[in-house]
C-alpha atoms as a PDB file:
ATOM      1  CA  MET A   1      -0.131   0.115   0.083  1.00  0.00           C
ATOM      2  CA  SER A   2       1.326   3.404  -1.317  1.00  0.00           C
ATOM      3  CA  GLN A   3       1.780   6.350   1.693  1.00  0.00           C
ATOM      4  CA  THR A   4      -0.726   8.409  -0.120  1.00  0.00           C
ATOM      5  CA  ALA A   5      -3.340   5.526   0.061  1.00  0.00           C
ATOM      6  CA  PHE A   6      -2.530   5.019   3.912  1.00  0.00           C
ATOM      7  CA  ILE A   7      -2.710   8.437   4.716  1.00  0.00           C
ATOM      8  CA  LEU A   8      -6.477   8.621   2.808  1.00  0.00           C
ATOM      9  CA  LEU A   9      -7.588   5.789   4.839  1.00  0.00           C
ATOM     10  CA  ALA A  10      -6.655   7.076   8.272  1.00  0.00           C
ATOM     11  CA  ILE A  11      -8.297   9.950   7.405  1.00  0.00           C
ATOM     12  CA  GLY A  12     -11.504   8.407   5.631  1.00  0.00           C
ATOM     13  CA  ALA A  13     -11.511   6.480   9.435  1.00  0.00           C
ATOM     14  CA  LEU A  14     -11.019   9.458  11.588  1.00  0.00           C
ATOM     15  CA  SER A  15     -14.006  10.942  10.211  1.00  0.00           C
ATOM     16  CA  LEU A  16     -16.305   8.131  10.487  1.00  0.00           C
ATOM     17  CA  ALA A  17     -15.179   7.962  13.884  1.00  0.00           C
ATOM     18  CA  THR A  18     -15.670  11.341  14.321  1.00  0.00           C
ATOM     19  CA  ALA A  19     -18.961  11.333  12.816  1.00  0.00           C
ATOM     20  CA  SER A  20     -20.061   8.393  14.687  1.00  0.00           C
ATOM     21  CA  VAL A  21     -18.959  10.281  18.031  1.00  0.00           C
ATOM     22  CA  THR A  22     -21.196  13.315  17.011  1.00  0.00           C
ATOM     23  CA  LEU A  23     -23.801  11.182  16.021  1.00  0.00           C
ATOM     24  CA  TYR A  24     -23.851   9.476  19.198  1.00  0.00           C
ATOM     25  CA  LYS A  25     -23.638  12.459  21.622  1.00  0.00           C
ATOM     26  CA  THR A  26     -26.515  14.633  19.311  1.00  0.00           C
ATOM     27  CA  ILE A  27     -28.890  11.528  19.865  1.00  0.00           C
ATOM     28  CA  ALA A  28     -28.028  11.369  23.666  1.00  0.00           C
ATOM     29  CA  MET A  29     -28.753  15.045  23.973  1.00  0.00           C
ATOM     30  CA  LEU A  30     -32.150  15.088  22.143  1.00  0.00           C
ATOM     31  CA  LYS A  31     -33.291  12.170  24.349  1.00  0.00           C
ATOM     32  CA  GLU A  32     -32.502  14.040  27.383  1.00  0.00           C
ATOM     33  CA  GLN A  33     -34.000  17.093  26.175  1.00  0.00           C
ATOM     34  CA  ARG A  34     -37.426  14.796  25.189  1.00  0.00           C
ATOM     35  CA  ALA A  35     -37.150  13.867  28.835  1.00  0.00           C
ATOM     36  CA  GLU A  36     -36.611  16.980  30.273  1.00  0.00           C
ATOM     37  CA  TYR A  37     -40.131  18.365  28.129  1.00  0.00           C
ATOM     38  CA  ARG A  38     -42.096  15.182  29.156  1.00  0.00           C
ATOM     39  CA  GLU A  39     -41.140  16.068  32.990  1.00  0.00           C
ATOM     40  CA  ARG A  40     -42.368  19.824  32.629  1.00  0.00           C
ATOM     41  CA  LYS A  41     -45.506  18.681  31.033  1.00  0.00           C
ATOM     42  CA  THR A  42     -45.862  15.964  33.476  1.00  0.00           C
ATOM     43  CA  ILE A  43     -45.206  18.875  36.398  1.00  0.00           C
ATOM     44  CA  LEU A  44     -47.863  21.124  34.468  1.00  0.00           C
ATOM     45  CA  ALA A  45     -50.314  18.375  34.382  1.00  0.00           C
ATOM     46  CA  GLU A  46     -49.935  16.644  37.759  1.00  0.00           C
ATOM     47  CA  GLY A  47     -48.322  19.339  39.968  1.00  0.00           C
ATOM     48  CA  THR A  48     -49.271  21.386  43.173  1.00  0.00           C
ATOM     49  CA  PRO A  49     -50.620  24.785  41.880  1.00  0.00           C
ATOM     50  CA  ALA A  50     -49.479  27.950  43.954  1.00  0.00           C
ATOM     51  CA  LYS A  51     -48.839  31.782  43.331  1.00  0.00           C
ATOM     52  CA  ALA A  52     -45.236  32.768  42.803  1.00  0.00           C
ATOM     53  CA  VAL A  53     -43.785  36.169  43.519  1.00  0.00           C
ATOM     54  CA  VAL A  54     -40.819  37.426  40.796  1.00  0.00           C
ATOM     55  CA  ASN A  55     -37.941  38.246  42.389  1.00  0.00           C
ATOM     56  CA  SER A  56     -36.218  38.484  39.607  1.00  0.00           C
ATOM     57  CA  ILE A  57     -35.725  37.556  36.124  1.00  0.00           C
ATOM     58  CA  ARG A  58     -32.548  36.983  33.848  1.00  0.00           C
ATOM     59  CA  GLN A  59     -32.616  36.148  30.101  1.00  0.00           C
ATOM     60  CA  THR A  60     -30.433  33.561  28.898  1.00  0.00           C
ATOM     61  CA  ALA A  61     -28.683  33.649  25.591  1.00  0.00           C
ATOM     62  CA  ALA A  62     -31.390  30.210  24.505  1.00  0.00           C
ATOM     63  CA  SER A  63     -34.424  30.829  23.083  1.00  0.00           C
ATOM     64  CA  MET A  64     -37.061  28.010  21.625  1.00  0.00           C
ATOM     65  CA  ASN A  65     -39.106  28.931  18.272  1.00  0.00           C
ATOM     66  CA  GLY A  66     -38.462  32.236  18.745  1.00  0.00           C
ATOM     67  CA  GLN A  67     -39.586  32.482  22.632  1.00  0.00           C
ATOM     68  CA  PRO A  68     -36.611  33.760  25.095  1.00  0.00           C
ATOM     69  CA  GLU A  69     -35.163  31.584  28.271  1.00  0.00           C
ATOM     70  CA  VAL A  70     -35.435  33.092  30.985  1.00  0.00           C
ATOM     71  CA  VAL A  71     -34.022  32.271  34.404  1.00  0.00           C
ATOM     72  CA  LEU A  72     -36.551  33.422  37.320  1.00  0.00           C
ATOM     73  CA  ASP A  73     -35.784  33.137  40.756  1.00  0.00           C
ATOM     74  CA  VAL A  74     -39.598  33.232  42.999  1.00  0.00           C
ATOM     75  CA  THR A  75     -40.793  32.557  46.258  1.00  0.00           C
ATOM     76  CA  ILE A  76     -43.638  30.070  46.519  1.00  0.00           C
ATOM     77  CA  ALA A  77     -46.674  30.520  48.072  1.00  0.00           C
ATOM     78  CA  LYS A  78     -47.793  27.301  49.005  1.00  0.00           C
ATOM     79  CA  PRO A  79     -51.410  25.906  49.821  1.00  0.00           C
ATOM     80  CA  ASP A  80     -50.207  25.243  53.620  1.00  0.00           C
ATOM     81  CA  GLY A  81     -49.502  28.954  54.189  1.00  0.00           C
ATOM     82  CA  GLY A  82     -45.639  28.600  53.808  1.00  0.00           C
ATOM     83  CA  THR A  83     -43.099  30.038  51.642  1.00  0.00           C
ATOM     84  CA  VAL A  84     -40.360  28.194  49.525  1.00  0.00           C
ATOM     85  CA  ASP A  85     -37.946  30.292  47.432  1.00  0.00           C
ATOM     86  CA  ALA A  86     -37.120  28.857  43.873  1.00  0.00           C
ATOM     87  CA  VAL A  87     -35.205  29.257  40.820  1.00  0.00           C
ATOM     88  CA  PHE A  88     -35.813  27.277  37.624  1.00  0.00           C
ATOM     89  CA  GLN A  89     -35.192  28.123  33.912  1.00  0.00           C
ATOM     90  CA  THR A  90     -38.146  28.148  31.280  1.00  0.00           C
ATOM     91  CA  PHE A  91     -39.092  29.718  28.135  1.00  0.00           C
ATOM     92  CA  VAL A  92     -41.794  32.360  28.317  1.00  0.00           C
ATOM     93  CA  PRO A  93     -43.962  33.264  25.184  1.00  0.00           C
ATOM     94  CA  ILE A  94     -42.586  37.078  24.288  1.00  0.00           C
ATOM     95  CA  VAL A  95     -46.209  38.169  24.685  1.00  0.00           C
ATOM     96  CA  HIS A  96     -45.995  36.808  28.536  1.00  0.00           C
ATOM     97  CA  ILE A  97     -42.753  38.865  29.497  1.00  0.00           C
ATOM     98  CA  PRO A  98     -44.252  41.812  31.251  1.00  0.00           C
ATOM     99  CA  GLY A  99     -46.153  39.572  33.658  1.00  0.00           C
ATOM    100  CA  PHE A 100     -43.110  37.809  34.160  1.00  0.00           C
ATOM    101  CA  GLN A 101     -41.219  41.101  35.794  1.00  0.00           C
ATOM    102  CA  LYS A 102     -39.944  42.007  39.200  1.00  0.00           C
ATOM    103  CA  GLY A 103     -42.790  42.264  41.708  1.00  0.00           C
ATOM    104  CA  CYS A 104     -45.585  40.194  39.751  1.00  0.00           C
ATOM    105  CA  THR A 105     -47.284  37.320  40.997  1.00  0.00           C
ATOM    106  CA  ILE A 106     -47.524  34.316  38.676  1.00  0.00           C
ATOM    107  CA  ASP A 107     -49.422  30.776  38.765  1.00  0.00           C
ATOM    108  CA  VAL A 108     -46.570  27.764  38.944  1.00  0.00           C
ATOM    109  CA  LYS A 109     -46.940  24.455  39.460  1.00  0.00           C
ATOM    110  CA  TYR A 110     -44.279  22.444  41.415  1.00  0.00           C
ATOM    111  CA  ALA A 111     -43.288  18.850  42.567  1.00  0.00           C
ATOM    112  CA  MET A 112     -41.201  16.967  44.369  1.00  0.00           C
ATOM    113  CA  ARG A 113     -38.689  15.045  42.290  1.00  0.00           C
ATOM    114  CA  ASP A 114     -35.702  13.084  43.907  1.00  0.00           C
ATOM    115  CA  ARG A 115     -35.808  14.871  46.918  1.00  0.00           C
ATOM    116  CA  ARG A 116     -35.190  18.341  45.076  1.00  0.00           C
ATOM    117  CA  LEU A 117     -38.488  20.935  44.160  1.00  0.00           C
ATOM    118  CA  VAL A 118     -38.817  21.310  40.519  1.00  0.00           C
ATOM    119  CA  VAL A 119     -40.789  24.491  39.553  1.00  0.00           C
ATOM    120  CA  GLU A 120     -42.515  25.033  36.153  1.00  0.00           C
ATOM    121  CA  ALA A 121     -44.463  28.492  35.154  1.00  0.00           C
ATOM    122  CA  VAL A 122     -48.004  27.506  33.989  1.00  0.00           C
ATOM    123  CA  ASP A 123     -47.754  30.027  31.194  1.00  0.00           C
ATOM    124  CA  ALA A 124     -44.084  29.213  30.198  1.00  0.00           C
ATOM    125  CA  TYR A 125     -43.857  28.050  26.325  1.00  0.00           C
ATOM    126  CA  LEU A 126     -43.641  24.341  25.780  1.00  0.00           C
ATOM    127  CA  PRO A 127     -43.860  22.548  22.252  1.00  0.00           C
END
């Protein structure tokens, strides 16, 4: 085998390996994202409803279908009279952003998952 043929074969093998790893990681990321959306939808369908006061809102660099992702810091008024602070990321329809400003009260649903509080805004955008 000539040196040129060997180099082309090595480049081809490296390209195939790189493509395989990229495809594997992409599929794993999509599965994880799909599971996250299922969990969010489950929380919205089955979670405990509550009111929450927005302490702060910060936009991230991400968006989904033109809807911005935000980090919300909220204080949740639980049905038993207690309160709990939570910070979570969600996508908010652009038309609902004014209702998510500091001091606004929003509807949320929450649940305990693996000993952690998981919160979702009722008006969140989910595809």
